Amino acid sequence: LESKEKIKSQVTINLKDDAVIEEYRVNGYLYMVKVTPAVGPAYYLVDNNGDGSLSVRKSEIDEVVVPQ
């Protein structure tokens, strides 16, 4: 499949004193945030349905969204 529209992906990493915050964007749209705290496991905030609301995932495989 050929598309004339180019997909631009971007990852922004913010280093804080108590966490590392990674923001994942496609064409400027924020779809996932990974938070890795200094203490404890990493967790994810994910926009599962494109409404701009981020919901919490506790692991990479928790509620995997299949591309459609």
PDB file of N, CA and C in Angstrom:
ATOM      1  N   LEU A   1       0.833  -1.185   0.000  1.00  0.00           N
ATOM      2  CA  LEU A   1       0.000   0.000   0.000  1.00  0.00           C
ATOM      3  C   LEU A   1       0.869   1.236   0.000  1.00  0.00           C
ATOM      4  N   GLU A   2       0.539   2.166  -0.871  1.00  0.00           N
ATOM      5  CA  GLU A   2       1.276   3.405  -0.957  1.00  0.00           C
ATOM      6  C   GLU A   2       0.416   4.532  -0.447  1.00  0.00           C
ATOM      7  N   SER A   3       0.998   5.394   0.327  1.00  0.00           N
ATOM      8  CA  SER A   3       0.267   6.533   0.861  1.00  0.00           C
ATOM      9  C   SER A   3       1.051   7.795   0.560  1.00  0.00           C
ATOM     10  N   LYS A   4       0.346   8.834   0.164  1.00  0.00           N
ATOM     11  CA  LYS A   4       0.989  10.110  -0.103  1.00  0.00           C
ATOM     12  C   LYS A   4       1.256  10.865   1.194  1.00  0.00           C
ATOM     13  N   GLU A   5       0.563  10.478   2.256  1.00  0.00           N
ATOM     14  CA  GLU A   5       0.741  11.119   3.548  1.00  0.00           C
ATOM     15  C   GLU A   5       1.901  10.471   4.296  1.00  0.00           C
ATOM     16  N   LYS A   6       2.861  11.294   4.730  1.00  0.00           N
ATOM     17  CA  LYS A   6       3.997  10.766   5.468  1.00  0.00           C
ATOM     18  C   LYS A   6       3.656  10.701   6.945  1.00  0.00           C
ATOM     19  N   ILE A   7       4.090   9.628   7.581  1.00  0.00           N
ATOM     20  CA  ILE A   7       3.876   9.450   9.015  1.00  0.00           C
ATOM     21  C   ILE A   7       5.134   9.944   9.722  1.00  0.00           C
ATOM     22  N   LYS A   8       4.939  10.886  10.625  1.00  0.00           N
ATOM     23  CA  LYS A   8       6.054  11.426  11.388  1.00  0.00           C
ATOM     24  C   LYS A   8       5.906  10.991  12.836  1.00  0.00           C
ATOM     25  N   SER A   9       6.862  10.193  13.308  1.00  0.00           N
ATOM     26  CA  SER A   9       6.820   9.760  14.698  1.00  0.00           C
ATOM     27  C   SER A   9       7.883  10.514  15.492  1.00  0.00           C
ATOM     28  N   GLN A  10       7.592  10.704  16.782  1.00  0.00           N
ATOM     29  CA  GLN A  10       8.491  11.464  17.633  1.00  0.00           C
ATOM     30  C   GLN A  10       8.420  10.916  19.053  1.00  0.00           C
ATOM     31  N   VAL A  11       9.571  10.799  19.692  1.00  0.00           N
ATOM     32  CA  VAL A  11       9.639  10.421  21.099  1.00  0.00           C
ATOM     33  C   VAL A  11      10.380  11.536  21.825  1.00  0.00           C
ATOM     34  N   THR A  12       9.748  12.077  22.855  1.00  0.00           N
ATOM     35  CA  THR A  12      10.361  13.117  23.683  1.00  0.00           C
ATOM     36  C   THR A  12      10.624  12.521  25.050  1.00  0.00           C
ATOM     37  N   ILE A  13      11.865  12.634  25.509  1.00  0.00           N
ATOM     38  CA  ILE A  13      12.240  12.088  26.810  1.00  0.00           C
ATOM     39  C   ILE A  13      12.517  13.246  27.761  1.00  0.00           C
ATOM     40  N   ASN A  14      11.775  13.256  28.876  1.00  0.00           N
ATOM     41  CA  ASN A  14      11.948  14.271  29.904  1.00  0.00           C
ATOM     42  C   ASN A  14      12.529  13.611  31.142  1.00  0.00           C
ATOM     43  N   LEU A  15      13.673  14.101  31.592  1.00  0.00           N
ATOM     44  CA  LEU A  15      14.316  13.564  32.786  1.00  0.00           C
ATOM     45  C   LEU A  15      13.935  14.435  33.976  1.00  0.00           C
ATOM     46  N   LYS A  16      13.295  13.833  34.952  1.00  0.00           N
ATOM     47  CA  LYS A  16      12.911  14.513  36.188  1.00  0.00           C
ATOM     48  C   LYS A  16      13.728  13.923  37.323  1.00  0.00           C
ATOM     49  N   ASP A  17      13.699  14.550  38.501  1.00  0.00           N
ATOM     50  CA  ASP A  17      14.422  14.021  39.657  1.00  0.00           C
ATOM     51  C   ASP A  17      13.883  12.661  40.087  1.00  0.00           C
ATOM     52  N   ASP A  18      12.561  12.480  39.963  1.00  0.00           N
ATOM     53  CA  ASP A  18      11.937  11.264  40.477  1.00  0.00           C
ATOM     54  C   ASP A  18      11.413  10.321  39.395  1.00  0.00           C
ATOM     55  N   ALA A  19      11.599  10.666  38.110  1.00  0.00           N
ATOM     56  CA  ALA A  19      11.077   9.805  37.046  1.00  0.00           C
ATOM     57  C   ALA A  19      11.649  10.197  35.680  1.00  0.00           C
ATOM     58  N   VAL A  20      11.563   9.251  34.748  1.00  0.00           N
ATOM     59  CA  VAL A  20      11.837   9.512  33.329  1.00  0.00           C
ATOM     60  C   VAL A  20      10.497   9.414  32.624  1.00  0.00           C
ATOM     61  N   ILE A  21      10.135  10.449  31.856  1.00  0.00           N
ATOM     62  CA  ILE A  21       8.845  10.484  31.170  1.00  0.00           C
ATOM     63  C   ILE A  21       9.102  10.521  29.667  1.00  0.00           C
ATOM     64  N   GLU A  22       8.588   9.490  28.971  1.00  0.00           N
ATOM     65  CA  GLU A  22       8.744   9.392  27.520  1.00  0.00           C
ATOM     66  C   GLU A  22       7.389   9.629  26.868  1.00  0.00           C
ATOM     67  N   GLU A  23       7.319  10.627  25.981  1.00  0.00           N
ATOM     68  CA  GLU A  23       6.071  10.942  25.271  1.00  0.00           C
ATOM     69  C   GLU A  23       6.194  10.455  23.832  1.00  0.00           C
ATOM     70  N   TYR A  24       5.244   9.649  23.392  1.00  0.00           N
ATOM     71  CA  TYR A  24       5.237   9.087  22.039  1.00  0.00           C
ATOM     72  C   TYR A  24       4.155   9.773  21.223  1.00  0.00           C
ATOM     73  N   ARG A  25       4.538  10.316  20.064  1.00  0.00           N
ATOM     74  CA  ARG A  25       3.601  11.038  19.191  1.00  0.00           C
ATOM     75  C   ARG A  25       3.705  10.529  17.751  1.00  0.00           C
ATOM     76  N   VAL A  26       2.581  10.566  17.052  1.00  0.00           N
ATOM     77  CA  VAL A  26       2.535  10.302  15.618  1.00  0.00           C
ATOM     78  C   VAL A  26       1.818  11.481  14.980  1.00  0.00           C
ATOM     79  N   ASN A  27       2.484  12.127  14.030  1.00  0.00           N
ATOM     80  CA  ASN A  27       1.955  13.321  13.378  1.00  0.00           C
ATOM     81  C   ASN A  27       1.489  14.365  14.393  1.00  0.00           C
ATOM     82  N   GLY A  28       2.250  14.520  15.486  1.00  0.00           N
ATOM     83  CA  GLY A  28       1.942  15.515  16.508  1.00  0.00           C
ATOM     84  C   GLY A  28       0.911  15.085  17.532  1.00  0.00           C
ATOM     85  N   TYR A  29       0.283  13.939  17.346  1.00  0.00           N
ATOM     86  CA  TYR A  29      -0.767  13.450  18.238  1.00  0.00           C
ATOM     87  C   TYR A  29      -0.148  12.582  19.330  1.00  0.00           C
ATOM     88  N   LEU A  30      -0.317  12.959  20.585  1.00  0.00           N
ATOM     89  CA  LEU A  30       0.188  12.192  21.717  1.00  0.00           C
ATOM     90  C   LEU A  30      -0.685  10.962  21.918  1.00  0.00           C
ATOM     91  N   TYR A  31      -0.081   9.771  21.780  1.00  0.00           N
ATOM     92  CA  TYR A  31      -0.879   8.549  21.931  1.00  0.00           C
ATOM     93  C   TYR A  31      -0.422   7.676  23.097  1.00  0.00           C
ATOM     94  N   MET A  32       0.803   7.919  23.636  1.00  0.00           N
ATOM     95  CA  MET A  32       1.262   7.109  24.753  1.00  0.00           C
ATOM     96  C   MET A  32       2.325   7.868  25.539  1.00  0.00           C
ATOM     97  N   VAL A  33       2.296   7.670  26.854  1.00  0.00           N
ATOM     98  CA  VAL A  33       3.320   8.206  27.747  1.00  0.00           C
ATOM     99  C   VAL A  33       3.817   7.045  28.604  1.00  0.00           C
ATOM    100  N   LYS A  34       5.135   6.879  28.667  1.00  0.00           N
ATOM    101  CA  LYS A  34       5.735   5.868  29.540  1.00  0.00           C
ATOM    102  C   LYS A  34       6.393   6.604  30.699  1.00  0.00           C
ATOM    103  N   VAL A  35       6.032   6.225  31.917  1.00  0.00           N
ATOM    104  CA  VAL A  35       6.598   6.835  33.110  1.00  0.00           C
ATOM    105  C   VAL A  35       7.426   5.775  33.822  1.00  0.00           C
ATOM    106  N   THR A  36       8.709   6.056  33.997  1.00  0.00           N
ATOM    107  CA  THR A  36       9.601   5.161  34.720  1.00  0.00           C
ATOM    108  C   THR A  36      10.047   5.891  35.985  1.00  0.00           C
ATOM    109  N   PRO A  37       9.390   5.591  37.118  1.00  0.00           N
ATOM    110  CA  PRO A  37       9.761   6.271  38.363  1.00  0.00           C
ATOM    111  C   PRO A  37      11.120   5.785  38.879  1.00  0.00           C
ATOM    112  N   ALA A  38      11.754   6.609  39.727  1.00  0.00           N
ATOM    113  CA  ALA A  38      13.038   6.237  40.314  1.00  0.00           C
ATOM    114  C   ALA A  38      12.885   4.974  41.166  1.00  0.00           C
ATOM    115  N   VAL A  39      11.726   4.811  41.774  1.00  0.00           N
ATOM    116  CA  VAL A  39      11.440   3.637  42.598  1.00  0.00           C
ATOM    117  C   VAL A  39      10.142   3.009  42.103  1.00  0.00           C
ATOM    118  N   GLY A  40      10.165   1.720  41.825  1.00  0.00           N
ATOM    119  CA  GLY A  40       8.962   1.020  41.373  1.00  0.00           C
ATOM    120  C   GLY A  40       8.983   0.747  39.888  1.00  0.00           C
ATOM    121  N   PRO A  41       8.011  -0.033  39.432  1.00  0.00           N
ATOM    122  CA  PRO A  41       7.960  -0.415  38.010  1.00  0.00           C
ATOM    123  C   PRO A  41       7.437   0.715  37.122  1.00  0.00           C
ATOM    124  N   ALA A  42       7.790   0.637  35.845  1.00  0.00           N
ATOM    125  CA  ALA A  42       7.293   1.593  34.858  1.00  0.00           C
ATOM    126  C   ALA A  42       5.815   1.347  34.610  1.00  0.00           C
ATOM    127  N   TYR A  43       5.108   2.403  34.191  1.00  0.00           N
ATOM    128  CA  TYR A  43       3.710   2.257  33.789  1.00  0.00           C
ATOM    129  C   TYR A  43       3.456   3.154  32.584  1.00  0.00           C
ATOM    130  N   TYR A  44       2.350   2.917  31.915  1.00  0.00           N
ATOM    131  CA  TYR A  44       2.032   3.593  30.668  1.00  0.00           C
ATOM    132  C   TYR A  44       0.687   4.303  30.766  1.00  0.00           C
ATOM    133  N   LEU A  45       0.575   5.424  30.094  1.00  0.00           N
ATOM    134  CA  LEU A  45      -0.694   6.112  29.886  1.00  0.00           C
ATOM    135  C   LEU A  45      -0.945   6.050  28.385  1.00  0.00           C
ATOM    136  N   VAL A  46      -2.077   5.475  27.980  1.00  0.00           N
ATOM    137  CA  VAL A  46      -2.331   5.204  26.559  1.00  0.00           C
ATOM    138  C   VAL A  46      -3.703   5.712  26.155  1.00  0.00           C
ATOM    139  N   ASP A  47      -3.764   6.345  24.976  1.00  0.00           N
ATOM    140  CA  ASP A  47      -5.043   6.748  24.391  1.00  0.00           C
ATOM    141  C   ASP A  47      -5.523   5.578  23.537  1.00  0.00           C
ATOM    142  N   ASN A  48      -6.381   4.744  24.106  1.00  0.00           N
ATOM    143  CA  ASN A  48      -6.815   3.520  23.429  1.00  0.00           C
ATOM    144  C   ASN A  48      -7.762   3.750  22.260  1.00  0.00           C
ATOM    145  N   ASN A  49      -8.550   4.818  22.297  1.00  0.00           N
ATOM    146  CA  ASN A  49      -9.565   4.989  21.251  1.00  0.00           C
ATOM    147  C   ASN A  49      -9.481   6.322  20.516  1.00  0.00           C
ATOM    148  N   GLY A  50      -8.424   7.096  20.709  1.00  0.00           N
ATOM    149  CA  GLY A  50      -8.233   8.324  19.951  1.00  0.00           C
ATOM    150  C   GLY A  50      -9.033   9.509  20.429  1.00  0.00           C
ATOM    151  N   ASP A  51      -9.592   9.444  21.650  1.00  0.00           N
ATOM    152  CA  ASP A  51     -10.402  10.564  22.139  1.00  0.00           C
ATOM    153  C   ASP A  51      -9.593  11.594  22.921  1.00  0.00           C
ATOM    154  N   GLY A  52      -8.274  11.380  23.055  1.00  0.00           N
ATOM    155  CA  GLY A  52      -7.424  12.320  23.770  1.00  0.00           C
ATOM    156  C   GLY A  52      -7.326  12.040  25.255  1.00  0.00           C
ATOM    157  N   SER A  53      -8.054  11.039  25.740  1.00  0.00           N
ATOM    158  CA  SER A  53      -8.025  10.673  27.148  1.00  0.00           C
ATOM    159  C   SER A  53      -7.071   9.501  27.337  1.00  0.00           C
ATOM    160  N   LEU A  54      -6.114   9.668  28.246  1.00  0.00           N
ATOM    161  CA  LEU A  54      -5.120   8.627  28.479  1.00  0.00           C
ATOM    162  C   LEU A  54      -5.551   7.748  29.642  1.00  0.00           C
ATOM    163  N   SER A  55      -5.458   6.429  29.455  1.00  0.00           N
ATOM    164  CA  SER A  55      -5.789   5.499  30.532  1.00  0.00           C
ATOM    165  C   SER A  55      -4.527   4.731  30.921  1.00  0.00           C
ATOM    166  N   VAL A  56      -4.494   4.231  32.132  1.00  0.00           N
ATOM    167  CA  VAL A  56      -3.300   3.609  32.693  1.00  0.00           C
ATOM    168  C   VAL A  56      -3.179   2.150  32.269  1.00  0.00           C
ATOM    169  N   ARG A  57      -1.956   1.767  31.888  1.00  0.00           N
ATOM    170  CA  ARG A  57      -1.582   0.367  31.657  1.00  0.00           C
ATOM    171  C   ARG A  57      -0.390   0.090  32.541  1.00  0.00           C
ATOM    172  N   LYS A  58      -0.361  -1.065  33.166  1.00  0.00           N
ATOM    173  CA  LYS A  58       0.727  -1.372  34.083  1.00  0.00           C
ATOM    174  C   LYS A  58       1.881  -2.128  33.439  1.00  0.00           C
ATOM    175  N   SER A  59       1.680  -2.640  32.218  1.00  0.00           N
ATOM    176  CA  SER A  59       2.762  -3.310  31.511  1.00  0.00           C
ATOM    177  C   SER A  59       2.562  -3.122  30.013  1.00  0.00           C
ATOM    178  N   GLU A  60       3.591  -3.489  29.249  1.00  0.00           N
ATOM    179  CA  GLU A  60       3.522  -3.337  27.795  1.00  0.00           C
ATOM    180  C   GLU A  60       2.476  -4.241  27.163  1.00  0.00           C
ATOM    181  N   ILE A  61       2.165  -5.369  27.797  1.00  0.00           N
ATOM    182  CA  ILE A  61       1.224  -6.319  27.192  1.00  0.00           C
ATOM    183  C   ILE A  61      -0.168  -6.250  27.798  1.00  0.00           C
ATOM    184  N   ASP A  62      -0.379  -5.389  28.766  1.00  0.00           N
ATOM    185  CA  ASP A  62      -1.685  -5.204  29.389  1.00  0.00           C
ATOM    186  C   ASP A  62      -2.620  -4.508  28.402  1.00  0.00           C
ATOM    187  N   GLU A  63      -3.692  -5.146  28.017  1.00  0.00           N
ATOM    188  CA  GLU A  63      -4.690  -4.588  27.087  1.00  0.00           C
ATOM    189  C   GLU A  63      -4.049  -4.095  25.785  1.00  0.00           C
ATOM    190  N   VAL A  64      -3.348  -4.967  25.102  1.00  0.00           N
ATOM    191  CA  VAL A  64      -2.686  -4.616  23.844  1.00  0.00           C
ATOM    192  C   VAL A  64      -3.737  -4.194  22.818  1.00  0.00           C
ATOM    193  N   VAL A  65      -3.482  -3.063  22.169  1.00  0.00           N
ATOM    194  CA  VAL A  65      -4.374  -2.566  21.134  1.00  0.00           C
ATOM    195  C   VAL A  65      -3.867  -3.053  19.782  1.00  0.00           C
ATOM    196  N   VAL A  66      -4.692  -3.791  19.065  1.00  0.00           N
ATOM    197  CA  VAL A  66      -4.316  -4.336  17.767  1.00  0.00           C
ATOM    198  C   VAL A  66      -4.633  -3.312  16.692  1.00  0.00           C
ATOM    199  N   PRO A  67      -3.670  -2.946  15.825  1.00  0.00           N
ATOM    200  CA  PRO A  67      -3.942  -1.995  14.756  1.00  0.00           C
ATOM    201  C   PRO A  67      -5.044  -2.519  13.844  1.00  0.00           C
ATOM    202  N   GLN A  68      -5.922  -1.610  13.433  1.00  0.00           N
ATOM    203  CA  GLN A  68      -7.033  -2.002  12.570  1.00  0.00           C
ATOM    204  C   GLN A  68      -7.019  -1.242  11.283  1.00  0.00           C
TER     205      GLN A  68
END
